[in-house]
Amino acid sequence: MPLPRASESYYQTHPTQLDQKMQRGYLIICDSCGAIESPSVKFRLCGGCATTRYCSPDCQKAHWPSHKAVCQHTAAQASTATKIASVGEVDITKTLRKFTSAHSALLGWAGFQALQLKRIPSNVRRNALLLELSYRDHAEWLRRFSIVSTHIVPRTYIRDPLVVNDIQRREERCRHSGGIGTLVVILQCRDIAQVMPVEVDHPSKISWDEREDWLAVLNHFIESGRTDFKPISTTARG
């Protein structure tokens, strides 16, 4: 049976806890001035869409006229999805949002491996990683989702014009900053989907190994509820 298309969108930001850009493999860029986050200066997160970051309150204020449309659109979709997805006292949308945030480093790494970006960087502009999830009751909220299946889907899978345009904007900004574009990971549970964009640095600057067992690693961390994943290099060349 074909999977339903991703109709609900939630932009999840990239993690900032990794201290080396070479280790994390993605770029965190101020949406207003284009500055790149450094270990000594942490950027501010937009509280509306929970995806865009700014280097200062002034940049956040200056960018609001441009950011307003996609910010309010994303927040409204999340609110609508919450009303639909709440079953009994279980809010699937809210839990999926927290789950995505907690596993953002892991999910970005899995997308990088699944799309083989180390060898074929152009895949970042053509395809996306889709994770189909199942939900279960569990005392630990981090262990309420399991991966049912994974798919490499064309980027045209995402049809929301505002989301598509925002991903394209991020892609152009990332390439301007020396990266290769925006990796897209889609998490889908029932009729709820969340889109996680990751602005990827150039593969030559990333010290990760290529891992054919990425799905096993992904499953291990998700099933165990672990959130301490960090991509590492186990070879001299990475």
C-alpha atoms as a PDB file:
ATOM      1  CA  MET A   1       0.000   0.000   0.000  1.00  0.00           C
ATOM      2  CA  PRO A   2       1.476   3.360  -0.964  1.00  0.00           C
ATOM      3  CA  LEU A   3       2.306   5.757   1.839  1.00  0.00           C
ATOM      4  CA  PRO A   4       0.179   8.910   2.233  1.00  0.00           C
ATOM      5  CA  ARG A   5       1.877  12.113   1.162  1.00  0.00           C
ATOM      6  CA  ALA A   6       3.297  14.436   3.767  1.00  0.00           C
ATOM      7  CA  SER A   7       0.582  17.015   4.252  1.00  0.00           C
ATOM      8  CA  GLU A   8       1.613  18.420   7.626  1.00  0.00           C
ATOM      9  CA  SER A   9       4.945  20.183   7.950  1.00  0.00           C
ATOM     10  CA  TYR A  10       7.114  20.887  10.948  1.00  0.00           C
ATOM     11  CA  TYR A  11      10.610  22.219  10.569  1.00  0.00           C
ATOM     12  CA  GLN A  12      13.007  20.848  13.102  1.00  0.00           C
ATOM     13  CA  THR A  13      16.296  22.537  13.737  1.00  0.00           C
ATOM     14  CA  HIS A  14      19.744  21.052  13.774  1.00  0.00           C
ATOM     15  CA  PRO A  15      21.553  20.190  17.020  1.00  0.00           C
ATOM     16  CA  THR A  16      24.181  22.521  18.426  1.00  0.00           C
ATOM     17  CA  GLN A  17      25.767  20.322  21.082  1.00  0.00           C
ATOM     18  CA  LEU A  18      28.527  18.925  18.840  1.00  0.00           C
ATOM     19  CA  ASP A  19      31.599  21.061  19.313  1.00  0.00           C
ATOM     20  CA  GLN A  20      33.242  20.470  15.938  1.00  0.00           C
ATOM     21  CA  LYS A  21      31.714  21.499  12.600  1.00  0.00           C
ATOM     22  CA  MET A  22      33.784  18.728  11.009  1.00  0.00           C
ATOM     23  CA  GLN A  23      31.993  16.246  13.264  1.00  0.00           C
ATOM     24  CA  ARG A  24      28.482  17.558  12.935  1.00  0.00           C
ATOM     25  CA  GLY A  25      28.543  17.985   9.150  1.00  0.00           C
ATOM     26  CA  TYR A  26      25.914  20.703   8.908  1.00  0.00           C
ATOM     27  CA  LEU A  27      25.851  24.464   8.890  1.00  0.00           C
ATOM     28  CA  ILE A  28      23.841  26.625  11.302  1.00  0.00           C
ATOM     29  CA  ILE A  29      23.328  29.958   9.566  1.00  0.00           C
ATOM     30  CA  CYS A  30      21.701  33.165  10.754  1.00  0.00           C
ATOM     31  CA  ASP A  31      18.608  33.604   8.594  1.00  0.00           C
ATOM     32  CA  SER A  32      19.063  37.367   8.566  1.00  0.00           C
ATOM     33  CA  CYS A  33      22.744  38.217   8.073  1.00  0.00           C
ATOM     34  CA  GLY A  34      24.124  34.843   6.944  1.00  0.00           C
ATOM     35  CA  ALA A  35      26.679  34.470   9.743  1.00  0.00           C
ATOM     36  CA  ILE A  36      27.682  30.882  10.592  1.00  0.00           C
ATOM     37  CA  GLU A  37      27.372  29.730  14.196  1.00  0.00           C
ATOM     38  CA  SER A  38      30.629  29.096  16.059  1.00  0.00           C
ATOM     39  CA  PRO A  39      31.197  27.023  19.212  1.00  0.00           C
ATOM     40  CA  SER A  40      31.562  30.217  21.246  1.00  0.00           C
ATOM     41  CA  VAL A  41      28.387  31.930  19.960  1.00  0.00           C
ATOM     42  CA  LYS A  42      25.095  30.019  20.038  1.00  0.00           C
ATOM     43  CA  PHE A  43      22.273  31.315  17.865  1.00  0.00           C
ATOM     44  CA  ARG A  44      18.701  32.034  18.970  1.00  0.00           C
ATOM     45  CA  LEU A  45      15.848  29.752  17.884  1.00  0.00           C
ATOM     46  CA  CYS A  46      12.607  31.187  16.508  1.00  0.00           C
ATOM     47  CA  GLY A  47       9.878  30.298  18.985  1.00  0.00           C
ATOM     48  CA  GLY A  48       7.135  30.265  16.347  1.00  0.00           C
ATOM     49  CA  CYS A  49       8.330  27.721  13.784  1.00  0.00           C
ATOM     50  CA  ALA A  50      11.089  26.205  15.942  1.00  0.00           C
ATOM     51  CA  THR A  51      13.387  25.902  12.956  1.00  0.00           C
ATOM     52  CA  THR A  52      15.029  29.222  12.091  1.00  0.00           C
ATOM     53  CA  ARG A  53      18.017  30.560  14.012  1.00  0.00           C
ATOM     54  CA  TYR A  54      19.391  34.063  14.461  1.00  0.00           C
ATOM     55  CA  CYS A  55      22.680  35.378  15.786  1.00  0.00           C
ATOM     56  CA  SER A  56      20.989  38.225  17.675  1.00  0.00           C
ATOM     57  CA  PRO A  57      17.593  39.690  18.598  1.00  0.00           C
ATOM     58  CA  ASP A  58      18.227  42.499  16.095  1.00  0.00           C
ATOM     59  CA  CYS A  59      18.636  40.005  13.244  1.00  0.00           C
ATOM     60  CA  GLN A  60      15.505  38.165  14.314  1.00  0.00           C
ATOM     61  CA  LYS A  61      13.511  41.412  14.322  1.00  0.00           C
ATOM     62  CA  ALA A  62      14.918  42.544  10.968  1.00  0.00           C
ATOM     63  CA  HIS A  63      14.075  39.224   9.314  1.00  0.00           C
ATOM     64  CA  TRP A  64      10.497  38.973  10.580  1.00  0.00           C
ATOM     65  CA  PRO A  65       8.821  40.585   7.498  1.00  0.00           C
ATOM     66  CA  SER A  66      10.419  37.894   5.298  1.00  0.00           C
ATOM     67  CA  HIS A  67      10.009  35.051   7.783  1.00  0.00           C
ATOM     68  CA  LYS A  68       6.447  35.786   8.895  1.00  0.00           C
ATOM     69  CA  ALA A  69       4.589  33.815   6.199  1.00  0.00           C
ATOM     70  CA  VAL A  70       6.391  30.467   6.565  1.00  0.00           C
ATOM     71  CA  CYS A  71       6.623  30.835  10.353  1.00  0.00           C
ATOM     72  CA  GLN A  72       2.897  31.322  10.833  1.00  0.00           C
ATOM     73  CA  HIS A  73       2.098  28.668   8.213  1.00  0.00           C
ATOM     74  CA  THR A  74       4.242  26.028   9.947  1.00  0.00           C
ATOM     75  CA  ALA A  75       2.876  26.858  13.397  1.00  0.00           C
ATOM     76  CA  ALA A  76      -0.725  26.720  12.115  1.00  0.00           C
ATOM     77  CA  GLN A  77      -0.213  23.321  10.494  1.00  0.00           C
ATOM     78  CA  ALA A  78       1.271  21.922  13.691  1.00  0.00           C
ATOM     79  CA  SER A  79      -1.734  23.240  15.635  1.00  0.00           C
ATOM     80  CA  THR A  80      -4.211  21.671  13.166  1.00  0.00           C
ATOM     81  CA  ALA A  81      -2.351  18.369  13.201  1.00  0.00           C
ATOM     82  CA  THR A  82      -2.456  18.317  16.998  1.00  0.00           C
ATOM     83  CA  LYS A  83      -6.245  18.559  17.017  1.00  0.00           C
ATOM     84  CA  ILE A  84      -6.519  15.695  14.529  1.00  0.00           C
ATOM     85  CA  ALA A  85      -3.848  13.476  16.054  1.00  0.00           C
ATOM     86  CA  SER A  86      -4.860  13.603  19.690  1.00  0.00           C
ATOM     87  CA  VAL A  87      -6.336  10.230  20.628  1.00  0.00           C
ATOM     88  CA  GLY A  88      -7.584  10.048  24.203  1.00  0.00           C
ATOM     89  CA  GLU A  89      -4.876  11.853  26.124  1.00  0.00           C
ATOM     90  CA  VAL A  90      -2.113  11.035  23.644  1.00  0.00           C
ATOM     91  CA  ASP A  91      -0.899  13.955  21.531  1.00  0.00           C
ATOM     92  CA  ILE A  92       1.022  12.250  18.742  1.00  0.00           C
ATOM     93  CA  THR A  93       2.075  15.479  17.053  1.00  0.00           C
ATOM     94  CA  LYS A  94       3.600  16.954  20.192  1.00  0.00           C
ATOM     95  CA  THR A  95       5.392  13.705  21.012  1.00  0.00           C
ATOM     96  CA  LEU A  96       6.707  13.367  17.457  1.00  0.00           C
ATOM     97  CA  ARG A  97       7.989  16.934  17.627  1.00  0.00           C
ATOM     98  CA  LYS A  98       9.910  16.209  20.842  1.00  0.00           C
ATOM     99  CA  PHE A  99      11.142  12.917  19.396  1.00  0.00           C
ATOM    100  CA  THR A 100      12.493  14.639  16.266  1.00  0.00           C
ATOM    101  CA  SER A 101      14.227  17.293  18.343  1.00  0.00           C
ATOM    102  CA  ALA A 102      15.842  14.734  20.651  1.00  0.00           C
ATOM    103  CA  HIS A 103      17.143  12.641  17.734  1.00  0.00           C
ATOM    104  CA  SER A 104      18.030  15.459  15.325  1.00  0.00           C
ATOM    105  CA  ALA A 105      21.765  14.640  15.175  1.00  0.00           C
ATOM    106  CA  LEU A 106      21.003  10.962  14.568  1.00  0.00           C
ATOM    107  CA  LEU A 107      18.370  11.680  11.909  1.00  0.00           C
ATOM    108  CA  GLY A 108      20.605  14.091  10.014  1.00  0.00           C
ATOM    109  CA  TRP A 109      23.425  11.541  10.005  1.00  0.00           C
ATOM    110  CA  ALA A 110      21.074   8.771   8.828  1.00  0.00           C
ATOM    111  CA  GLY A 111      19.832  10.953   5.976  1.00  0.00           C
ATOM    112  CA  PHE A 112      23.407  11.720   4.947  1.00  0.00           C
ATOM    113  CA  GLN A 113      24.214   8.001   4.866  1.00  0.00           C
ATOM    114  CA  ALA A 114      20.968   6.902   3.187  1.00  0.00           C
ATOM    115  CA  LEU A 115      21.386   9.392   0.340  1.00  0.00           C
ATOM    116  CA  GLN A 116      25.092   8.460  -0.002  1.00  0.00           C
ATOM    117  CA  LEU A 117      26.090  12.116   0.046  1.00  0.00           C
ATOM    118  CA  LYS A 118      29.746  11.329   0.638  1.00  0.00           C
ATOM    119  CA  ARG A 119      29.928   9.769  -2.841  1.00  0.00           C
ATOM    120  CA  ILE A 120      27.025  11.455  -4.639  1.00  0.00           C
ATOM    121  CA  PRO A 121      26.561  14.974  -3.221  1.00  0.00           C
ATOM    122  CA  SER A 122      24.011  15.869  -5.925  1.00  0.00           C
ATOM    123  CA  ASN A 123      21.527  13.477  -4.295  1.00  0.00           C
ATOM    124  CA  VAL A 124      20.875  16.170  -1.696  1.00  0.00           C
ATOM    125  CA  ARG A 125      18.936  18.157  -4.313  1.00  0.00           C
ATOM    126  CA  ARG A 126      17.060  15.208  -5.819  1.00  0.00           C
ATOM    127  CA  ASN A 127      15.958  12.913  -3.021  1.00  0.00           C
ATOM    128  CA  ALA A 128      14.813  12.824   0.592  1.00  0.00           C
ATOM    129  CA  LEU A 129      14.775  10.181   3.320  1.00  0.00           C
ATOM    130  CA  LEU A 130      11.289   9.164   4.439  1.00  0.00           C
ATOM    131  CA  LEU A 131      10.918   7.283   7.725  1.00  0.00           C
ATOM    132  CA  GLU A 132       7.565   5.593   8.314  1.00  0.00           C
ATOM    133  CA  LEU A 133       6.960   5.242  12.045  1.00  0.00           C
ATOM    134  CA  SER A 134       4.542   3.349  14.243  1.00  0.00           C
ATOM    135  CA  TYR A 135       3.333   4.599  17.612  1.00  0.00           C
ATOM    136  CA  ARG A 136       3.030   2.580  20.814  1.00  0.00           C
ATOM    137  CA  ASP A 137       2.214   3.336  24.411  1.00  0.00           C
ATOM    138  CA  HIS A 138       5.360   3.377  26.502  1.00  0.00           C
ATOM    139  CA  ALA A 139       6.228   4.914  29.839  1.00  0.00           C
ATOM    140  CA  GLU A 140       9.284   6.577  28.226  1.00  0.00           C
ATOM    141  CA  TRP A 141       8.137   9.017  25.547  1.00  0.00           C
ATOM    142  CA  LEU A 142      11.415   8.616  23.661  1.00  0.00           C
ATOM    143  CA  ARG A 143      10.544   4.971  23.067  1.00  0.00           C
ATOM    144  CA  ARG A 144       7.036   5.476  21.736  1.00  0.00           C
ATOM    145  CA  PHE A 145       8.054   5.377  18.071  1.00  0.00           C
ATOM    146  CA  SER A 146       9.528   2.551  16.036  1.00  0.00           C
ATOM    147  CA  ILE A 147      10.683   2.547  12.428  1.00  0.00           C
ATOM    148  CA  VAL A 148       8.393   0.478  10.213  1.00  0.00           C
ATOM    149  CA  SER A 149      10.157   1.177   6.933  1.00  0.00           C
ATOM    150  CA  THR A 150      12.479   3.617   5.194  1.00  0.00           C
ATOM    151  CA  HIS A 151      12.213   5.004   1.688  1.00  0.00           C
ATOM    152  CA  ILE A 152      14.268   7.195  -0.597  1.00  0.00           C
ATOM    153  CA  VAL A 153      11.707   9.467  -2.212  1.00  0.00           C
ATOM    154  CA  PRO A 154      12.057  12.309  -4.726  1.00  0.00           C
ATOM    155  CA  ARG A 155      12.004  15.801  -3.282  1.00  0.00           C
ATOM    156  CA  THR A 156       8.755  16.342  -5.215  1.00  0.00           C
ATOM    157  CA  TYR A 157       7.131  14.243  -2.470  1.00  0.00           C
ATOM    158  CA  ILE A 158       6.873  17.526  -0.562  1.00  0.00           C
ATOM    159  CA  ARG A 159       4.181  19.569  -2.285  1.00  0.00           C
ATOM    160  CA  ASP A 160       3.481  22.403   0.106  1.00  0.00           C
ATOM    161  CA  PRO A 161       4.641  25.495  -1.858  1.00  0.00           C
ATOM    162  CA  LEU A 162       5.751  27.449   1.208  1.00  0.00           C
ATOM    163  CA  VAL A 163       7.775  24.517   2.515  1.00  0.00           C
ATOM    164  CA  VAL A 164       9.309  23.855  -0.908  1.00  0.00           C
ATOM    165  CA  ASN A 165      10.271  27.514  -1.302  1.00  0.00           C
ATOM    166  CA  ASP A 166      11.786  27.668   2.164  1.00  0.00           C
ATOM    167  CA  ILE A 167      13.875  24.550   1.516  1.00  0.00           C
ATOM    168  CA  GLN A 168      15.075  26.078  -1.758  1.00  0.00           C
ATOM    169  CA  ARG A 169      16.004  29.289   0.045  1.00  0.00           C
ATOM    170  CA  ARG A 170      17.983  27.323   2.599  1.00  0.00           C
ATOM    171  CA  GLU A 171      19.663  25.386  -0.191  1.00  0.00           C
ATOM    172  CA  GLU A 172      20.859  28.509  -1.982  1.00  0.00           C
ATOM    173  CA  ARG A 173      22.068  30.005   1.295  1.00  0.00           C
ATOM    174  CA  CYS A 174      23.914  26.810   2.204  1.00  0.00           C
ATOM    175  CA  ARG A 175      25.700  26.618  -1.136  1.00  0.00           C
ATOM    176  CA  HIS A 176      26.653  30.282  -0.819  1.00  0.00           C
ATOM    177  CA  SER A 177      28.262  29.405   2.541  1.00  0.00           C
ATOM    178  CA  GLY A 178      30.260  26.529   1.045  1.00  0.00           C
ATOM    179  CA  GLY A 179      27.847  23.651   1.656  1.00  0.00           C
ATOM    180  CA  ILE A 180      26.171  21.375  -0.868  1.00  0.00           C
ATOM    181  CA  GLY A 181      22.509  22.039  -0.082  1.00  0.00           C
ATOM    182  CA  THR A 182      19.668  21.046   2.206  1.00  0.00           C
ATOM    183  CA  LEU A 183      19.159  17.431   3.189  1.00  0.00           C
ATOM    184  CA  VAL A 184      15.489  16.644   3.842  1.00  0.00           C
ATOM    185  CA  VAL A 185      14.331  13.989   6.311  1.00  0.00           C
ATOM    186  CA  ILE A 186      10.581  13.296   6.547  1.00  0.00           C
ATOM    187  CA  LEU A 187       9.141  11.506   9.576  1.00  0.00           C
ATOM    188  CA  GLN A 188       5.635  10.152   9.138  1.00  0.00           C
ATOM    189  CA  CYS A 189       3.352   8.511  11.702  1.00  0.00           C
ATOM    190  CA  ARG A 190      -0.240   7.815  10.700  1.00  0.00           C
ATOM    191  CA  ASP A 191      -1.397  10.971   8.904  1.00  0.00           C
ATOM    192  CA  ILE A 192       1.114  13.230  10.636  1.00  0.00           C
ATOM    193  CA  ALA A 193       4.398  14.130   8.981  1.00  0.00           C
ATOM    194  CA  GLN A 194       7.279  16.376  10.002  1.00  0.00           C
ATOM    195  CA  VAL A 195       9.880  17.758   7.629  1.00  0.00           C
ATOM    196  CA  MET A 196      13.395  18.218   8.980  1.00  0.00           C
ATOM    197  CA  PRO A 197      15.812  20.232   6.782  1.00  0.00           C
ATOM    198  CA  VAL A 198      19.556  19.947   7.392  1.00  0.00           C
ATOM    199  CA  GLU A 199      21.974  22.316   5.651  1.00  0.00           C
ATOM    200  CA  VAL A 200      24.911  20.057   4.778  1.00  0.00           C
ATOM    201  CA  ASP A 201      28.557  21.074   4.671  1.00  0.00           C
ATOM    202  CA  HIS A 202      30.751  19.943   1.770  1.00  0.00           C
ATOM    203  CA  PRO A 203      31.531  16.189   2.096  1.00  0.00           C
ATOM    204  CA  SER A 204      35.269  16.885   1.801  1.00  0.00           C
ATOM    205  CA  LYS A 205      35.025  18.754   5.122  1.00  0.00           C
ATOM    206  CA  ILE A 206      33.094  16.015   6.929  1.00  0.00           C
ATOM    207  CA  SER A 207      35.044  13.370   8.825  1.00  0.00           C
ATOM    208  CA  TRP A 208      32.256  10.791   8.997  1.00  0.00           C
ATOM    209  CA  ASP A 209      32.714   7.284   7.711  1.00  0.00           C
ATOM    210  CA  GLU A 210      30.368   5.882   5.106  1.00  0.00           C
ATOM    211  CA  ARG A 211      28.250   3.348   6.950  1.00  0.00           C
ATOM    212  CA  GLU A 212      26.200   0.671   5.218  1.00  0.00           C
ATOM    213  CA  ASP A 213      24.730  -0.297   8.586  1.00  0.00           C
ATOM    214  CA  TRP A 214      23.168   3.145   9.134  1.00  0.00           C
ATOM    215  CA  LEU A 215      19.660   1.696   9.490  1.00  0.00           C
ATOM    216  CA  ALA A 216      20.785  -0.738  12.187  1.00  0.00           C
ATOM    217  CA  VAL A 217      22.459   2.140  14.047  1.00  0.00           C
ATOM    218  CA  LEU A 218      19.338   4.279  13.658  1.00  0.00           C
ATOM    219  CA  ASN A 219      17.090   1.494  14.961  1.00  0.00           C
ATOM    220  CA  HIS A 220      19.393   0.803  17.901  1.00  0.00           C
ATOM    221  CA  PHE A 221      19.333   4.371  19.199  1.00  0.00           C
ATOM    222  CA  ILE A 222      15.598   4.822  18.626  1.00  0.00           C
ATOM    223  CA  GLU A 223      14.544   1.505  20.184  1.00  0.00           C
ATOM    224  CA  SER A 224      16.770   2.062  23.209  1.00  0.00           C
ATOM    225  CA  GLY A 225      15.688   5.675  23.654  1.00  0.00           C
ATOM    226  CA  ARG A 226      19.285   6.884  23.589  1.00  0.00           C
ATOM    227  CA  THR A 227      19.909  10.510  22.615  1.00  0.00           C
ATOM    228  CA  ASP A 228      23.693  10.589  22.959  1.00  0.00           C
ATOM    229  CA  PHE A 229      24.478   9.808  19.307  1.00  0.00           C
ATOM    230  CA  LYS A 230      27.500  11.562  17.800  1.00  0.00           C
ATOM    231  CA  PRO A 231      28.836  10.788  14.328  1.00  0.00           C
ATOM    232  CA  ILE A 232      32.460   9.713  14.515  1.00  0.00           C
ATOM    233  CA  SER A 233      35.294   8.791  12.203  1.00  0.00           C
ATOM    234  CA  THR A 234      36.904   5.405  12.679  1.00  0.00           C
ATOM    235  CA  THR A 235      39.397   5.642   9.833  1.00  0.00           C
ATOM    236  CA  ALA A 236      42.293   7.976   9.189  1.00  0.00           C
ATOM    237  CA  ARG A 237      40.587   9.575   6.181  1.00  0.00           C
ATOM    238  CA  GLY A 238      37.036   9.532   7.576  1.00  0.00           C
END
